């Protein structure tokens, strides 16, 4: 199966909607940092989003704001 890379805007929307579904609040700067790192590859966007959501369980600090 071939998947195309998401544009920067699509990547931001994908991450934002995922975080919203999990009720996880993250800054736009963290979303931008993730996008810079993974360049629109859907699998990596999903992995990073999941990793942050797991990290955030029980924590109020944004890992990108440290």
PDB file of N, CA and C in Angstrom:
ATOM      1  N   UNK A   1       0.838  -1.163   0.000  1.00  0.00           N
ATOM      2  CA  UNK A   1       0.000   0.000   0.000  1.00  0.00           C
ATOM      3  C   UNK A   1       0.891   1.237   0.000  1.00  0.00           C
ATOM      4  N   UNK A   2       0.588   2.135  -0.874  1.00  0.00           N
ATOM      5  CA  UNK A   2       1.338   3.390  -0.935  1.00  0.00           C
ATOM      6  C   UNK A   2       0.482   4.509  -0.380  1.00  0.00           C
ATOM      7  N   UNK A   3       1.069   5.277   0.496  1.00  0.00           N
ATOM      8  CA  UNK A   3       0.404   6.451   1.052  1.00  0.00           C
ATOM      9  C   UNK A   3       1.239   7.665   0.703  1.00  0.00           C
ATOM     10  N   UNK A   4       0.586   8.744   0.394  1.00  0.00           N
ATOM     11  CA  UNK A   4       1.314   9.972   0.078  1.00  0.00           C
ATOM     12  C   UNK A   4       1.639  10.724   1.369  1.00  0.00           C
ATOM     13  N   UNK A   5       2.633  11.550   1.286  1.00  0.00           N
ATOM     14  CA  UNK A   5       2.946  12.435   2.415  1.00  0.00           C
ATOM     15  C   UNK A   5       1.874  13.498   2.515  1.00  0.00           C
ATOM     16  N   UNK A   6       1.531  13.845   3.740  1.00  0.00           N
ATOM     17  CA  UNK A   6       0.569  14.912   3.957  1.00  0.00           C
ATOM     18  C   UNK A   6       1.279  16.261   3.839  1.00  0.00           C
ATOM     19  N   UNK A   7       0.566  17.255   3.386  1.00  0.00           N
ATOM     20  CA  UNK A   7       1.116  18.605   3.364  1.00  0.00           C
ATOM     21  C   UNK A   7       1.264  19.089   4.812  1.00  0.00           C
ATOM     22  N   UNK A   8       1.939  20.173   4.994  1.00  0.00           N
ATOM     23  CA  UNK A   8       2.121  20.740   6.336  1.00  0.00           C
ATOM     24  C   UNK A   8       0.760  21.030   6.994  1.00  0.00           C
ATOM     25  N   UNK A   9      -0.153  21.597   6.217  1.00  0.00           N
ATOM     26  CA  UNK A   9      -1.483  21.917   6.745  1.00  0.00           C
ATOM     27  C   UNK A   9      -2.265  20.655   7.096  1.00  0.00           C
ATOM     28  N   UNK A  10      -2.206  19.655   6.216  1.00  0.00           N
ATOM     29  CA  UNK A  10      -2.892  18.391   6.479  1.00  0.00           C
ATOM     30  C   UNK A  10      -2.304  17.693   7.704  1.00  0.00           C
ATOM     31  N   UNK A  11      -0.988  17.757   7.840  1.00  0.00           N
ATOM     32  CA  UNK A  11      -0.325  17.148   8.997  1.00  0.00           C
ATOM     33  C   UNK A  11      -0.772  17.809  10.293  1.00  0.00           C
ATOM     34  N   UNK A  12      -0.843  19.133  10.291  1.00  0.00           N
ATOM     35  CA  UNK A  12      -1.275  19.868  11.486  1.00  0.00           C
ATOM     36  C   UNK A  12      -2.715  19.513  11.839  1.00  0.00           C
ATOM     37  N   UNK A  13      -3.569  19.430  10.830  1.00  0.00           N
ATOM     38  CA  UNK A  13      -4.972  19.074  11.071  1.00  0.00           C
ATOM     39  C   UNK A  13      -5.079  17.640  11.604  1.00  0.00           C
ATOM     40  N   UNK A  14      -4.316  16.725  11.019  1.00  0.00           N
ATOM     41  CA  UNK A  14      -4.304  15.325  11.439  1.00  0.00           C
ATOM     42  C   UNK A  14      -3.915  15.211  12.911  1.00  0.00           C
ATOM     43  N   UNK A  15      -2.830  15.876  13.297  1.00  0.00           N
ATOM     44  CA  UNK A  15      -2.382  15.832  14.690  1.00  0.00           C
ATOM     45  C   UNK A  15      -3.375  16.520  15.622  1.00  0.00           C
ATOM     46  N   UNK A  16      -3.844  17.685  15.241  1.00  0.00           N
ATOM     47  CA  UNK A  16      -4.789  18.429  16.081  1.00  0.00           C
ATOM     48  C   UNK A  16      -6.055  17.629  16.351  1.00  0.00           C
ATOM     49  N   UNK A  17      -6.605  17.023  15.302  1.00  0.00           N
ATOM     50  CA  UNK A  17      -7.818  16.231  15.477  1.00  0.00           C
ATOM     51  C   UNK A  17      -7.570  15.008  16.348  1.00  0.00           C
ATOM     52  N   UNK A  18      -6.414  14.387  16.175  1.00  0.00           N
ATOM     53  CA  UNK A  18      -6.070  13.232  17.009  1.00  0.00           C
ATOM     54  C   UNK A  18      -5.940  13.616  18.475  1.00  0.00           C
ATOM     55  N   UNK A  19      -5.248  14.709  18.746  1.00  0.00           N
ATOM     56  CA  UNK A  19      -5.110  15.164  20.128  1.00  0.00           C
ATOM     57  C   UNK A  19      -6.471  15.550  20.714  1.00  0.00           C
ATOM     58  N   UNK A  20      -7.317  16.197  19.914  1.00  0.00           N
ATOM     59  CA  UNK A  20      -8.659  16.558  20.370  1.00  0.00           C
ATOM     60  C   UNK A  20      -9.460  15.312  20.741  1.00  0.00           C
ATOM     61  N   UNK A  21      -9.383  14.268  19.922  1.00  0.00           N
ATOM     62  CA  UNK A  21     -10.109  13.030  20.195  1.00  0.00           C
ATOM     63  C   UNK A  21      -9.669  12.409  21.514  1.00  0.00           C
ATOM     64  N   UNK A  22      -8.406  12.596  21.870  1.00  0.00           N
ATOM     65  CA  UNK A  22      -7.870  12.036  23.112  1.00  0.00           C
ATOM     66  C   UNK A  22      -7.938  13.025  24.267  1.00  0.00           C
ATOM     67  N   UNK A  23      -8.486  14.205  24.011  1.00  0.00           N
ATOM     68  CA  UNK A  23      -8.568  15.279  25.012  1.00  0.00           C
ATOM     69  C   UNK A  23      -7.192  15.636  25.570  1.00  0.00           C
ATOM     70  N   UNK A  24      -6.218  15.716  24.674  1.00  0.00           N
ATOM     71  CA  UNK A  24      -4.850  16.078  25.029  1.00  0.00           C
ATOM     72  C   UNK A  24      -4.578  17.464  24.451  1.00  0.00           C
ATOM     73  N   UNK A  25      -4.141  18.372  25.310  1.00  0.00           N
ATOM     74  CA  UNK A  25      -3.855  19.735  24.880  1.00  0.00           C
ATOM     75  C   UNK A  25      -2.362  19.881  24.596  1.00  0.00           C
ATOM     76  N   UNK A  26      -2.033  20.329  23.392  1.00  0.00           N
ATOM     77  CA  UNK A  26      -0.634  20.576  23.029  1.00  0.00           C
ATOM     78  C   UNK A  26      -0.545  21.929  22.327  1.00  0.00           C
ATOM     79  N   UNK A  27       0.624  22.506  22.382  1.00  0.00           N
ATOM     80  CA  UNK A  27       0.836  23.810  21.749  1.00  0.00           C
ATOM     81  C   UNK A  27       1.031  23.651  20.244  1.00  0.00           C
ATOM     82  N   UNK A  28       0.764  24.716  19.519  1.00  0.00           N
ATOM     83  CA  UNK A  28       0.989  24.712  18.075  1.00  0.00           C
ATOM     84  C   UNK A  28       2.483  24.547  17.785  1.00  0.00           C
ATOM     85  N   UNK A  29       3.327  25.064  18.668  1.00  0.00           N
ATOM     86  CA  UNK A  29       4.776  24.925  18.447  1.00  0.00           C
ATOM     87  C   UNK A  29       5.201  23.453  18.522  1.00  0.00           C
ATOM     88  N   UNK A  30       4.570  22.670  19.387  1.00  0.00           N
ATOM     89  CA  UNK A  30       4.884  21.241  19.460  1.00  0.00           C
ATOM     90  C   UNK A  30       4.409  20.540  18.190  1.00  0.00           C
ATOM     91  N   UNK A  31       3.234  20.885  17.712  1.00  0.00           N
ATOM     92  CA  UNK A  31       2.735  20.309  16.463  1.00  0.00           C
ATOM     93  C   UNK A  31       3.683  20.649  15.318  1.00  0.00           C
ATOM     94  N   UNK A  32       4.129  21.897  15.246  1.00  0.00           N
ATOM     95  CA  UNK A  32       5.074  22.300  14.199  1.00  0.00           C
ATOM     96  C   UNK A  32       6.392  21.535  14.306  1.00  0.00           C
ATOM     97  N   UNK A  33       6.856  21.319  15.525  1.00  0.00           N
ATOM     98  CA  UNK A  33       8.102  20.573  15.737  1.00  0.00           C
ATOM     99  C   UNK A  33       7.965  19.134  15.235  1.00  0.00           C
ATOM    100  N   UNK A  34       6.835  18.512  15.524  1.00  0.00           N
ATOM    101  CA  UNK A  34       6.590  17.141  15.054  1.00  0.00           C
ATOM    102  C   UNK A  34       6.586  17.117  13.528  1.00  0.00           C
ATOM    103  N   UNK A  35       5.883  18.054  12.922  1.00  0.00           N
ATOM    104  CA  UNK A  35       5.792  18.104  11.462  1.00  0.00           C
ATOM    105  C   UNK A  35       7.176  18.296  10.844  1.00  0.00           C
ATOM    106  N   UNK A  36       7.990  19.160  11.434  1.00  0.00           N
ATOM    107  CA  UNK A  36       9.354  19.372  10.942  1.00  0.00           C
ATOM    108  C   UNK A  36      10.168  18.082  10.992  1.00  0.00           C
ATOM    109  N   UNK A  37       9.918  17.296  12.009  1.00  0.00           N
ATOM    110  CA  UNK A  37      10.663  16.042  12.214  1.00  0.00           C
ATOM    111  C   UNK A  37      10.272  14.941  11.242  1.00  0.00           C
ATOM    112  N   UNK A  38       8.977  14.791  10.966  1.00  0.00           N
ATOM    113  CA  UNK A  38       8.516  13.615  10.230  1.00  0.00           C
ATOM    114  C   UNK A  38       8.075  13.894   8.796  1.00  0.00           C
ATOM    115  N   UNK A  39       8.004  15.150   8.406  1.00  0.00           N
ATOM    116  CA  UNK A  39       7.776  15.529   7.010  1.00  0.00           C
ATOM    117  C   UNK A  39       6.538  14.893   6.382  1.00  0.00           C
ATOM    118  N   UNK A  40       5.424  14.854   7.130  1.00  0.00           N
ATOM    119  CA  UNK A  40       4.157  14.424   6.551  1.00  0.00           C
ATOM    120  C   UNK A  40       3.946  12.934   6.395  1.00  0.00           C
ATOM    121  N   UNK A  41       4.824  12.123   6.949  1.00  0.00           N
ATOM    122  CA  UNK A  41       4.658  10.676   6.848  1.00  0.00           C
ATOM    123  C   UNK A  41       3.625  10.236   7.895  1.00  0.00           C
ATOM    124  N   UNK A  42       2.498   9.716   7.421  1.00  0.00           N
ATOM    125  CA  UNK A  42       1.348   9.443   8.279  1.00  0.00           C
ATOM    126  C   UNK A  42       1.685   8.515   9.444  1.00  0.00           C
ATOM    127  N   UNK A  43       2.433   7.472   9.190  1.00  0.00           N
ATOM    128  CA  UNK A  43       2.785   6.526  10.253  1.00  0.00           C
ATOM    129  C   UNK A  43       3.554   7.193  11.378  1.00  0.00           C
ATOM    130  N   UNK A  44       4.502   8.053  11.025  1.00  0.00           N
ATOM    131  CA  UNK A  44       5.291   8.743  12.044  1.00  0.00           C
ATOM    132  C   UNK A  44       4.473   9.816  12.749  1.00  0.00           C
ATOM    133  N   UNK A  45       3.580  10.481  12.041  1.00  0.00           N
ATOM    134  CA  UNK A  45       2.686  11.440  12.696  1.00  0.00           C
ATOM    135  C   UNK A  45       1.854  10.728  13.757  1.00  0.00           C
ATOM    136  N   UNK A  46       1.332   9.564  13.395  1.00  0.00           N
ATOM    137  CA  UNK A  46       0.529   8.768  14.329  1.00  0.00           C
ATOM    138  C   UNK A  46       1.363   8.345  15.522  1.00  0.00           C
ATOM    139  N   UNK A  47       2.568   7.845  15.264  1.00  0.00           N
ATOM    140  CA  UNK A  47       3.438   7.375  16.348  1.00  0.00           C
ATOM    141  C   UNK A  47       3.792   8.514  17.310  1.00  0.00           C
ATOM    142  N   UNK A  48       4.206   9.647  16.776  1.00  0.00           N
ATOM    143  CA  UNK A  48       4.557  10.784  17.630  1.00  0.00           C
ATOM    144  C   UNK A  48       3.359  11.246  18.440  1.00  0.00           C
ATOM    145  N   UNK A  49       2.198  11.343  17.783  1.00  0.00           N
ATOM    146  CA  UNK A  49       0.989  11.753  18.486  1.00  0.00           C
ATOM    147  C   UNK A  49       0.643  10.806  19.618  1.00  0.00           C
ATOM    148  N   UNK A  50       0.701   9.513  19.340  1.00  0.00           N
ATOM    149  CA  UNK A  50       0.418   8.501  20.362  1.00  0.00           C
ATOM    150  C   UNK A  50       1.423   8.602  21.503  1.00  0.00           C
ATOM    151  N   UNK A  51       2.696   8.738  21.175  1.00  0.00           N
ATOM    152  CA  UNK A  51       3.742   8.830  22.202  1.00  0.00           C
ATOM    153  C   UNK A  51       3.507  10.013  23.134  1.00  0.00           C
ATOM    154  N   UNK A  52       3.151  11.134  22.571  1.00  0.00           N
ATOM    155  CA  UNK A  52       2.904  12.332  23.376  1.00  0.00           C
ATOM    156  C   UNK A  52       1.659  12.143  24.232  1.00  0.00           C
ATOM    157  N   UNK A  53       0.614  11.550  23.661  1.00  0.00           N
ATOM    158  CA  UNK A  53      -0.610  11.310  24.426  1.00  0.00           C
ATOM    159  C   UNK A  53      -0.322  10.411  25.629  1.00  0.00           C
ATOM    160  N   UNK A  54       0.486   9.379  25.442  1.00  0.00           N
ATOM    161  CA  UNK A  54       0.844   8.477  26.541  1.00  0.00           C
ATOM    162  C   UNK A  54       1.666   9.226  27.586  1.00  0.00           C
ATOM    163  N   UNK A  55       2.609  10.050  27.126  1.00  0.00           N
ATOM    164  CA  UNK A  55       3.439  10.859  28.038  1.00  0.00           C
ATOM    165  C   UNK A  55       2.586  11.809  28.854  1.00  0.00           C
ATOM    166  N   UNK A  56       1.572  12.333  28.230  1.00  0.00           N
ATOM    167  CA  UNK A  56       0.745  13.363  28.870  1.00  0.00           C
ATOM    168  C   UNK A  56      -0.227  12.812  29.904  1.00  0.00           C
ATOM    169  N   UNK A  57      -0.464  11.513  29.903  1.00  0.00           N
ATOM    170  CA  UNK A  57      -1.380  10.933  30.879  1.00  0.00           C
ATOM    171  C   UNK A  57      -0.935  11.330  32.278  1.00  0.00           C
ATOM    172  N   UNK A  58      -1.818  12.047  32.968  1.00  0.00           N
ATOM    173  CA  UNK A  58      -1.512  12.457  34.322  1.00  0.00           C
ATOM    174  C   UNK A  58      -0.573  13.631  34.447  1.00  0.00           C
ATOM    175  N   UNK A  59      -0.141  14.208  33.314  1.00  0.00           N
ATOM    176  CA  UNK A  59       0.789  15.340  33.346  1.00  0.00           C
ATOM    177  C   UNK A  59       0.144  16.556  32.722  1.00  0.00           C
ATOM    178  N   UNK A  60       0.377  17.709  33.310  1.00  0.00           N
ATOM    179  CA  UNK A  60      -0.183  18.946  32.759  1.00  0.00           C
ATOM    180  C   UNK A  60       0.834  19.729  31.943  1.00  0.00           C
ATOM    181  N   UNK A  61       2.113  19.355  31.982  1.00  0.00           N
ATOM    182  CA  UNK A  61       3.151  20.112  31.268  1.00  0.00           C
ATOM    183  C   UNK A  61       3.281  19.629  29.832  1.00  0.00           C
ATOM    184  N   UNK A  62       3.314  20.542  28.904  1.00  0.00           N
ATOM    185  CA  UNK A  62       3.520  20.240  27.488  1.00  0.00           C
ATOM    186  C   UNK A  62       4.983  19.864  27.279  1.00  0.00           C
ATOM    187  N   UNK A  63       5.270  18.607  26.799  1.00  0.00           N
ATOM    188  CA  UNK A  63       6.662  18.196  26.629  1.00  0.00           C
ATOM    189  C   UNK A  63       7.444  19.072  25.662  1.00  0.00           C
ATOM    190  N   UNK A  64       6.778  19.821  24.812  1.00  0.00           N
ATOM    191  CA  UNK A  64       7.460  20.711  23.869  1.00  0.00           C
ATOM    192  C   UNK A  64       7.751  22.078  24.461  1.00  0.00           C
ATOM    193  N   UNK A  65       7.274  22.344  25.665  1.00  0.00           N
ATOM    194  CA  UNK A  65       7.474  23.645  26.284  1.00  0.00           C
ATOM    195  C   UNK A  65       8.592  23.629  27.318  1.00  0.00           C
ATOM    196  N   UNK A  66       9.335  22.511  27.446  1.00  0.00           N
ATOM    197  CA  UNK A  66      10.367  22.368  28.476  1.00  0.00           C
ATOM    198  C   UNK A  66      11.568  23.074  28.102  1.00  0.00           C
TER     199      UNK A  66
END
